[in-house]
Amino acid sequence: MNAGRRRAVLFLATLGTFGAALAGLYALTVLWLAHDAADRWAVAIAFAVAASGAVDKALSPWADDTPPTTPSPPPDPDPVPDPSDPEPEPSTGRPPRTRQRVTTAVVTAAATAAVGAIVYGVVAPKDGSGDTTSASRDYTLVYGHRTLSLKNYNYFFDLRAGAVSGSETAWSVSTNAGGDGKGAFEIQPLTDAYVVPGNTVPSPAQCAAKATRHPTEGRIHFRQAPPGRTVCLRDTTNGDVAVFTVIDVDHGNYATTDEITYYRHRS
């Protein structure tokens, strides 16, 4: 292989390596944000495996290739060639072994990160809901992505009807001062609530599982659920799930605009 072709192959291999590394890093970052702190240890292990493999590969040349330091004998003033000595091998133009090991380290780290992300995404527990595909079949979509607004704390979201009401209904959400004058979502009794971290929107089964495991009693402060954040609500009396994403809040009159999706649980 001539020098030009070798450089082209090396360039393409480098691009592929960095592409794999970025893909693995992106996948692990998405998984990190999609799971809560209780599950993130698995992501940390994936990073640790990739890093340890890279360090091992990068440092091993210094242990394997460095010859021991010993005093060399004085040169023979009149050396006589020994017929049994092998003739020196011609240079093949290959890169030093250290460079090969470091390149292998980078490739190993990238591949391990990408594979670790894929494996974690497949085998990691999905919010404690078991088989989320079959679990999602237990819910019927009643309405989806409906944008509703409350003018102030005197109004209510009627979650089952998907409308704004001037009075409290069987399952509703309103707002109040939150005890600190900065506003909060007022949650009815017999309702489990969970604020989803990041900007992910879970399935109804995942919402139900998270809300059951992390109930929020009474209220959710506006600072806990800023615009862009999603909140899961579960009616403990029948298992229905409401998922609403906060679009806007007003800390003065406690108005809010949200996008709501409602699922009926199949009993």
Protein backbone atom coordinates (compact mmCIF):
# COMPACT_ATOMS: atom_id res chain seq x y z
CA MET A 1 0.00 0.00 0.00
CA ASN A 2 1.51 3.33 -1.02
CA ALA A 3 1.85 6.28 1.35
CA GLY A 4 -1.08 8.24 -0.10
CA ARG A 5 -3.50 5.35 0.19
CA ARG A 6 -2.27 4.58 3.71
CA ARG A 7 -2.92 8.18 4.77
CA ALA A 8 -6.42 8.06 3.26
CA VAL A 9 -7.24 4.82 5.09
CA LEU A 10 -5.88 6.25 8.35
CA PHE A 11 -7.97 9.40 7.87
CA LEU A 12 -11.16 7.43 7.25
CA ALA A 13 -10.44 5.15 10.22
CA THR A 14 -9.93 8.20 12.42
CA LEU A 15 -13.24 9.70 11.28
CA GLY A 16 -15.00 6.40 11.94
CA THR A 17 -13.45 6.14 15.40
CA PHE A 18 -14.48 9.63 16.41
CA GLY A 19 -17.94 9.02 14.94
CA ALA A 20 -18.34 5.88 17.05
CA ALA A 21 -17.08 7.72 20.13
CA LEU A 22 -19.54 10.58 19.63
CA ALA A 23 -22.40 8.15 18.98
CA GLY A 24 -21.61 6.23 22.15
CA LEU A 25 -21.27 9.40 24.19
CA TYR A 26 -24.54 10.77 22.82
CA ALA A 27 -26.40 7.52 23.50
CA LEU A 28 -25.09 7.30 27.05
CA THR A 29 -25.94 10.96 27.69
CA VAL A 30 -29.51 10.42 26.46
CA LEU A 31 -29.84 7.34 28.67
CA TRP A 32 -28.44 9.29 31.62
CA LEU A 33 -31.07 12.00 31.23
CA ALA A 34 -33.88 9.54 30.59
CA HIS A 35 -33.41 7.69 33.89
CA ASP A 36 -33.45 8.94 37.42
CA ALA A 37 -30.55 8.85 39.86
CA ALA A 38 -31.40 5.33 41.06
CA ASP A 39 -30.67 3.87 37.62
CA ARG A 40 -27.73 6.01 36.51
CA TRP A 41 -25.13 3.76 38.15
CA ALA A 42 -25.43 1.47 35.14
CA VAL A 43 -24.52 4.33 32.82
CA ALA A 44 -21.55 5.17 35.04
CA ILE A 45 -20.37 1.55 34.80
CA ALA A 46 -20.52 1.72 31.00
CA PHE A 47 -18.31 4.81 31.05
CA ALA A 48 -15.95 3.18 33.56
CA VAL A 49 -15.53 0.09 31.39
CA ALA A 50 -14.71 2.20 28.35
CA ALA A 51 -12.26 4.36 30.29
CA SER A 52 -10.49 1.44 31.99
CA GLY A 53 -10.05 -0.35 28.67
CA ALA A 54 -8.56 2.77 27.12
CA VAL A 55 -6.18 3.39 30.01
CA ASP A 56 -5.04 -0.22 30.03
CA LYS A 57 -4.37 -0.19 26.30
CA ALA A 58 -2.62 3.18 26.41
CA LEU A 59 -0.33 2.40 29.34
CA SER A 60 0.61 -1.18 28.50
CA PRO A 61 3.19 -0.20 25.83
CA TRP A 62 5.27 1.52 28.48
CA ALA A 63 5.30 -1.69 30.51
CA ASP A 64 5.79 -4.09 27.60
CA ASP A 65 8.05 -2.22 25.22
CA THR A 66 10.49 -0.38 27.48
CA PRO A 67 13.67 -2.47 27.86
CA PRO A 68 15.27 -2.78 31.29
CA THR A 69 18.00 -0.25 32.04
CA THR A 70 21.31 -2.14 32.12
CA PRO A 71 24.84 -0.90 31.45
CA SER A 72 25.92 -1.63 27.91
CA PRO A 73 29.31 -3.26 27.29
CA PRO A 74 32.05 -1.17 25.66
CA PRO A 75 32.09 -1.39 21.89
CA ASP A 76 34.43 -3.90 20.28
CA PRO A 77 37.10 -1.93 18.44
CA ASP A 78 37.39 -4.56 15.79
CA PRO A 79 34.07 -6.43 15.61
CA VAL A 80 34.02 -9.72 13.80
CA PRO A 81 30.67 -10.69 12.33
CA ASP A 82 29.22 -13.86 13.75
CA PRO A 83 27.74 -16.07 11.02
CA SER A 84 25.05 -17.27 13.43
CA ASP A 85 23.71 -13.75 13.99
CA PRO A 86 20.53 -13.09 11.99
CA GLU A 87 20.70 -10.30 9.50
CA PRO A 88 18.76 -7.18 10.49
CA GLU A 89 15.24 -7.11 9.09
CA PRO A 90 14.51 -4.34 6.63
CA SER A 91 12.17 -1.62 7.78
CA THR A 92 8.59 -2.26 6.70
CA GLY A 93 7.43 1.29 7.25
CA ARG A 94 4.93 0.22 9.95
CA PRO A 95 4.19 2.67 12.77
CA PRO A 96 5.79 2.03 16.17
CA ARG A 97 4.05 -0.46 18.40
CA THR A 98 3.20 2.28 20.91
CA ARG A 99 1.22 4.17 18.28
CA GLN A 100 -0.64 1.00 17.38
CA ARG A 101 -1.55 0.35 21.01
CA VAL A 102 -2.77 3.93 21.56
CA THR A 103 -4.87 3.73 18.38
CA THR A 104 -6.30 0.44 19.63
CA ALA A 105 -7.10 2.16 22.94
CA VAL A 106 -9.13 4.87 21.24
CA VAL A 107 -11.01 2.35 19.12
CA THR A 108 -11.66 0.16 22.17
CA ALA A 109 -13.02 3.09 24.18
CA ALA A 110 -15.31 4.20 21.35
CA ALA A 111 -16.60 0.72 20.63
CA THR A 112 -17.13 -0.08 24.32
CA ALA A 113 -19.05 3.16 24.87
CA ALA A 114 -21.30 2.52 21.87
CA VAL A 115 -21.91 -1.14 22.72
CA GLY A 116 -22.40 -0.30 26.39
CA ALA A 117 -25.04 2.26 25.50
CA ILE A 118 -26.89 -0.20 23.28
CA VAL A 119 -26.74 -3.00 25.86
CA TYR A 120 -27.83 -0.68 28.67
CA GLY A 121 -30.75 0.62 26.62
CA VAL A 122 -31.90 -2.94 25.95
CA VAL A 123 -31.45 -4.60 29.34
CA ALA A 124 -31.84 -1.72 31.80
CA PRO A 125 -35.04 -1.68 33.83
CA LYS A 126 -37.61 0.65 32.34
CA ASP A 127 -38.78 2.53 35.43
CA GLY A 128 -39.82 -0.63 37.23
CA SER A 129 -42.72 -1.29 34.90
CA GLY A 130 -41.53 -4.66 33.60
CA ASP A 131 -42.69 -5.26 30.04
CA THR A 132 -43.52 -1.69 29.04
CA THR A 133 -44.94 -2.76 25.68
CA SER A 134 -47.59 -4.98 27.22
CA ALA A 135 -48.07 -2.57 30.12
CA SER A 136 -48.84 0.30 27.73
CA ARG A 137 -51.65 -1.79 26.27
CA ASP A 138 -53.39 -1.44 29.61
CA TYR A 139 -54.11 2.21 28.81
CA THR A 140 -56.48 3.79 26.29
CA LEU A 141 -55.73 7.25 24.95
CA VAL A 142 -58.70 9.54 25.61
CA TYR A 143 -57.16 12.75 24.27
CA GLY A 144 -53.61 13.82 23.47
CA HIS A 145 -51.50 16.98 23.47
CA ARG A 146 -54.37 19.29 24.33
CA THR A 147 -53.22 22.82 25.23
CA LEU A 148 -55.20 24.37 28.10
CA SER A 149 -54.72 27.55 30.15
CA LEU A 150 -55.77 28.66 33.62
CA LYS A 151 -56.23 32.43 33.99
CA ASN A 152 -55.49 32.28 37.72
CA TYR A 153 -55.86 30.09 40.79
CA ASN A 154 -59.69 30.26 40.63
CA TYR A 155 -59.79 27.88 37.66
CA PHE A 156 -59.17 24.14 37.34
CA PHE A 157 -57.99 21.64 34.75
CA ASP A 158 -60.73 18.99 34.45
CA LEU A 159 -58.38 16.16 33.56
CA ARG A 160 -61.02 13.64 32.48
CA ALA A 161 -62.89 16.09 30.26
CA GLY A 162 -59.78 17.78 28.93
CA ALA A 163 -61.23 21.23 29.61
CA VAL A 164 -60.95 24.23 31.91
CA SER A 165 -63.54 24.45 34.69
CA GLY A 166 -64.53 27.19 37.08
CA SER A 167 -64.87 24.68 39.94
CA GLU A 168 -63.17 21.60 41.24
CA THR A 169 -64.13 18.34 39.48
CA ALA A 170 -63.74 14.65 40.30
CA TRP A 171 -60.13 14.71 39.08
CA SER A 172 -58.63 18.14 38.56
CA VAL A 173 -55.53 20.29 38.99
CA SER A 174 -55.43 23.93 40.02
CA THR A 175 -52.78 26.39 41.20
CA ASN A 176 -52.11 28.31 44.41
CA ALA A 177 -49.42 30.39 46.08
CA GLY A 178 -47.48 27.29 47.10
CA GLY A 179 -46.94 28.51 50.64
CA ASP A 180 -44.13 30.84 49.56
CA GLY A 181 -45.98 33.23 47.26
CA LYS A 182 -44.19 31.91 44.17
CA GLY A 183 -46.88 29.59 42.85
CA ALA A 184 -47.50 25.86 42.69
CA PHE A 185 -49.69 23.24 41.06
CA GLU A 186 -52.33 22.07 43.52
CA ILE A 187 -52.76 18.28 43.40
CA GLN A 188 -55.89 16.60 44.74
CA PRO A 189 -55.76 13.86 47.37
CA LEU A 190 -55.69 10.28 46.06
CA THR A 191 -53.39 11.41 43.26
CA ASP A 192 -49.81 10.23 42.84
CA ALA A 193 -47.54 12.73 41.07
CA TYR A 194 -44.05 12.63 39.66
CA VAL A 195 -41.95 15.34 37.98
CA VAL A 196 -40.00 13.76 35.13
CA PRO A 197 -36.33 14.86 35.03
CA GLY A 198 -35.04 16.39 31.82
CA ASN A 199 -37.23 16.84 28.77
CA THR A 200 -38.31 13.24 28.25
CA VAL A 201 -41.97 12.20 27.96
CA PRO A 202 -42.55 8.67 29.34
CA SER A 203 -45.24 6.23 28.31
CA PRO A 204 -48.41 5.95 30.44
CA ALA A 205 -47.12 2.74 32.02
CA GLN A 206 -43.82 4.38 32.91
CA CYS A 207 -45.67 7.41 34.24
CA ALA A 208 -47.84 5.22 36.46
CA ALA A 209 -44.84 3.31 37.79
CA LYS A 210 -42.86 6.46 38.55
CA ALA A 211 -45.79 8.27 40.15
CA THR A 212 -46.47 5.26 42.36
CA ARG A 213 -42.84 5.07 43.49
CA HIS A 214 -42.36 8.85 43.90
CA PRO A 215 -45.64 10.34 45.12
CA THR A 216 -45.86 14.12 45.52
CA GLU A 217 -48.36 15.15 48.16
CA GLY A 218 -50.50 18.25 47.91
CA ARG A 219 -48.54 20.51 45.55
CA ILE A 220 -45.74 20.83 43.04
CA HIS A 221 -43.97 24.20 43.17
CA PHE A 222 -43.51 26.07 39.91
CA ARG A 223 -39.74 25.94 40.48
CA GLN A 224 -39.95 22.13 40.55
CA ALA A 225 -41.81 22.01 37.24
CA PRO A 226 -40.57 24.90 35.08
CA PRO A 227 -41.61 25.34 31.43
CA GLY A 228 -40.56 22.33 29.38
CA ARG A 229 -40.86 19.89 32.29
CA THR A 230 -43.36 17.02 32.21
CA VAL A 231 -45.47 15.91 35.19
CA CYS A 232 -47.08 12.46 35.58
CA LEU A 233 -50.33 12.15 37.51
CA ARG A 234 -51.98 8.87 38.50
CA ASP A 235 -55.49 8.59 39.92
CA THR A 236 -55.15 6.04 42.72
CA THR A 237 -58.86 5.20 42.61
CA ASN A 238 -58.85 3.76 39.07
CA GLY A 239 -55.27 3.93 37.73
CA ASP A 240 -55.94 6.60 35.08
CA VAL A 241 -52.90 8.61 34.01
CA ALA A 242 -52.59 12.27 32.97
CA VAL A 243 -49.35 13.53 31.47
CA PHE A 244 -48.96 17.27 31.21
CA THR A 245 -46.04 19.29 29.96
CA VAL A 246 -45.64 22.79 31.38
CA ILE A 247 -45.61 25.47 28.68
CA ASP A 248 -45.76 28.60 30.84
CA VAL A 249 -46.41 29.74 34.42
CA ASP A 250 -47.07 33.14 35.99
CA HIS A 251 -45.63 33.72 39.46
CA GLY A 252 -47.88 36.75 39.98
CA ASN A 253 -51.44 35.50 39.52
CA TYR A 254 -50.52 31.79 39.35
CA ALA A 255 -51.75 31.34 35.80
CA THR A 256 -50.42 28.45 33.74
CA THR A 257 -50.57 26.98 30.25
CA ASP A 258 -49.96 23.26 29.80
CA GLU A 259 -50.19 20.52 27.21
CA ILE A 260 -52.18 17.58 28.59
CA THR A 261 -52.58 13.97 27.50
CA TYR A 262 -55.03 11.67 29.29
CA TYR A 263 -55.07 7.85 29.38
CA ARG A 264 -57.82 5.69 30.82
CA HIS A 265 -56.63 2.57 32.62
CA ARG A 266 -58.23 -0.68 31.47
CA SER A 267 -59.35 -2.50 34.58
